[in-house]
Each structure stands twice: as C-alpha cells, then as structure tokens.
Protein backbone atom coordinates (compact mmCIF):
# COMPACT_ATOMS: atom_id res chain seq x y z
CA VAL A 1 20.33 14.34 -26.62
CA GLN A 2 18.97 13.69 -23.09
CA ALA A 3 16.07 16.08 -23.70
CA VAL A 4 15.10 14.27 -26.91
CA LEU A 5 15.24 10.91 -25.12
CA ARG A 6 13.03 12.20 -22.29
CA ARG A 7 10.44 13.56 -24.71
CA SER A 8 10.33 10.37 -26.77
CA ALA A 9 10.22 7.95 -23.82
CA PRO A 10 6.87 6.23 -23.24
CA ARG A 11 4.85 7.98 -20.60
CA GLU A 12 3.06 6.35 -17.75
CA ALA A 13 -0.70 6.34 -18.05
CA PRO A 14 -2.27 8.83 -15.68
CA ALA A 15 -3.34 7.27 -12.41
CA GLU A 16 -7.00 6.48 -12.17
CA GLY A 17 -8.48 8.65 -9.46
CA ALA A 18 -10.19 7.44 -6.36
CA LEU A 19 -13.90 6.81 -6.64
CA ALA A 20 -16.22 7.83 -3.82
CA ARG A 21 -19.92 7.83 -3.13
CA GLY A 22 -21.43 8.39 0.27
CA ARG A 23 -19.46 6.35 2.80
CA LEU A 24 -17.83 4.16 0.13
CA SER A 25 -14.41 4.94 -1.32
CA LEU A 26 -12.38 2.94 -3.82
CA ASP A 27 -8.72 3.27 -4.68
CA PRO A 28 -8.39 1.54 -8.08
CA ASP A 29 -4.61 1.90 -8.16
CA GLY A 30 -4.18 0.27 -4.75
CA TRP A 31 -7.09 -2.17 -5.21
CA ARG A 32 -8.58 -1.02 -1.88
CA ALA A 33 -12.19 -0.60 -0.87
CA ARG A 34 -13.19 1.31 2.25
CA TRP A 35 -16.41 1.94 4.12
CA GLU A 36 -16.19 5.01 6.36
CA GLY A 37 -12.40 4.73 6.16
CA ALA A 38 -12.23 1.06 7.23
CA ASP A 39 -10.76 -1.39 4.73
CA VAL A 40 -13.12 -4.02 3.34
CA ALA A 41 -11.30 -7.10 1.98
CA LEU A 42 -12.54 -7.98 -1.51
CA THR A 43 -11.56 -10.53 -4.12
CA VAL A 44 -10.29 -9.27 -7.48
CA THR A 45 -13.65 -10.06 -9.10
CA GLU A 46 -15.64 -8.37 -6.34
CA PHE A 47 -13.45 -5.29 -6.61
CA GLY A 48 -13.88 -5.28 -10.40
CA ILE A 49 -17.66 -5.35 -10.10
CA LEU A 50 -17.68 -2.59 -7.52
CA ARG A 51 -15.26 -0.46 -9.54
CA ALA A 52 -17.42 -0.81 -12.66
CA LEU A 53 -20.54 0.25 -10.75
CA ALA A 54 -18.76 3.12 -8.95
CA ALA A 55 -17.28 4.48 -12.18
CA ALA A 56 -20.78 5.05 -13.57
CA PRO A 57 -23.17 5.87 -10.71
CA GLY A 58 -26.78 5.70 -11.83
CA LYS A 59 -26.02 3.36 -14.73
CA VAL A 60 -27.59 -0.09 -14.57
CA PHE A 61 -25.21 -2.86 -15.64
CA THR A 62 -26.54 -6.15 -16.98
CA ARG A 63 -24.88 -9.33 -15.81
CA ASP A 64 -23.52 -9.91 -19.32
CA HIS A 65 -22.04 -6.42 -19.41
CA LEU A 66 -20.28 -7.01 -16.08
CA ILE A 67 -18.94 -10.39 -17.29
CA SER A 68 -17.57 -8.77 -20.47
CA ARG A 69 -16.05 -5.95 -18.48
CA LEU A 70 -14.36 -8.28 -16.00
CA HIS A 71 -13.27 -11.12 -18.27
CA GLY A 72 -13.59 -9.88 -21.84
CA PRO A 73 -16.18 -10.84 -24.44
CA GLY A 74 -16.93 -14.50 -24.95
CA PHE A 75 -15.73 -15.63 -21.51
CA ALA A 76 -17.63 -18.76 -20.44
CA VAL A 77 -19.27 -17.79 -17.15
CA THR A 78 -22.92 -18.07 -16.22
CA ASP A 79 -24.72 -14.88 -15.30
CA ARG A 80 -25.53 -16.41 -11.91
CA THR A 81 -21.81 -16.18 -11.10
CA ILE A 82 -22.23 -12.40 -11.01
CA ASP A 83 -25.18 -12.85 -8.64
CA SER A 84 -22.94 -14.85 -6.32
CA HIS A 85 -20.25 -12.17 -6.29
CA VAL A 86 -22.85 -9.46 -5.67
CA ARG A 87 -24.28 -11.47 -2.76
CA ASN A 88 -20.76 -11.77 -1.30
CA LEU A 89 -20.16 -8.02 -1.75
CA ARG A 90 -23.42 -7.21 -0.01
CA GLY A 91 -22.53 -9.49 2.88
CA LYS A 92 -19.09 -7.97 3.34
CA PHE A 93 -20.38 -4.40 3.31
CA ALA A 94 -23.41 -5.22 5.48
CA GLY A 95 -20.94 -6.46 8.08
CA VAL A 96 -19.55 -2.91 8.39
CA GLY A 97 -22.87 -1.08 8.03
CA GLY A 98 -23.02 -0.74 4.24
CA HIS A 99 -26.50 -2.07 3.58
CA ASP A 100 -27.14 -0.05 0.42
CA VAL A 101 -23.96 -0.42 -1.64
CA ILE A 102 -25.48 -2.33 -4.57
CA GLU A 103 -29.06 -2.07 -5.81
CA THR A 104 -30.83 -4.65 -7.95
CA ARG A 105 -32.93 -3.51 -10.89
CA ALA A 106 -35.30 -6.44 -11.35
CA GLY A 107 -35.02 -8.06 -14.76
CA VAL A 108 -32.14 -5.78 -15.77
CA GLY A 109 -29.07 -5.92 -13.51
CA TYR A 110 -27.24 -3.95 -10.85
CA GLN A 111 -26.25 -0.39 -10.06
CA LEU A 112 -24.35 1.40 -7.32
CA GLY A 113 -26.58 2.35 -4.39
CA ALA A 114 -26.60 5.55 -2.37
CA CYS A 115 -23.91 4.19 0.01
CA THR A 116 -25.37 5.93 3.05
CA GLY A 117 -25.68 2.80 5.17
CA ALA A 118 -29.48 2.88 5.16
CA ARG A 119 -31.31 -0.44 5.23
CA ALA A 120 -33.70 -1.12 2.37
C-alpha cells in the first residue's frame, strides 16, 4: 500500500537550474543574482526581467513580451516601465563592474549582453 501511495503522490517540479553567462549567475530557485560571486540586490521585477533574458541568450525581447512574461497578458503597464527597470538593473550591475549585462536593440527591445564587464 505504501508503495502505491508513493507512486501516486504528486511530484515536485524539477528545480530550475542556475543560469550563467560570463560573470553573471542567477539562481532562480533562490531568487539570487550574482556578479563575479557577489550578490546583487534586485527587486522581484528586475530579477524577472533578468531571468527572462538569461534564459534565452541572443533572443531580443520586446517590452510587451517582457510585460506579458512578468505580469501576464493584458496587464496595464506602460512599456516605459520596463525601460525604468532596465535602467535600474544597469545601474546596479554597473556599480559592481557589470557594464554590459543588458543590451538595447534600437526600435525592438532588450537582450542579455556578453556579461564580461566591458564598457560599451
């Protein structure tokens, strides 16, 4: 009976693995962002943006796509709100040497940068 109960019990979803690129590392399960091993304090929204970009390096995300991903479709937020969060992210990472974490694709949106610390 115990074996049947174990097999039929709901299973935990597998843990999402850590995401890393260059000097940036993200721990989605622990909601932690690090630059060269040092913690960088982020808001939930900032972390969500960074996680979306890090999960698909090379992909350019429009502001609307990021809003939908963070809040769900139809959420009433202006696209400039995303710009504000990206500006804050850039400032926080620039403070620890991460000058190339997020790249802007003019007229399109944002993508994860090389994360090497190089200035543009």
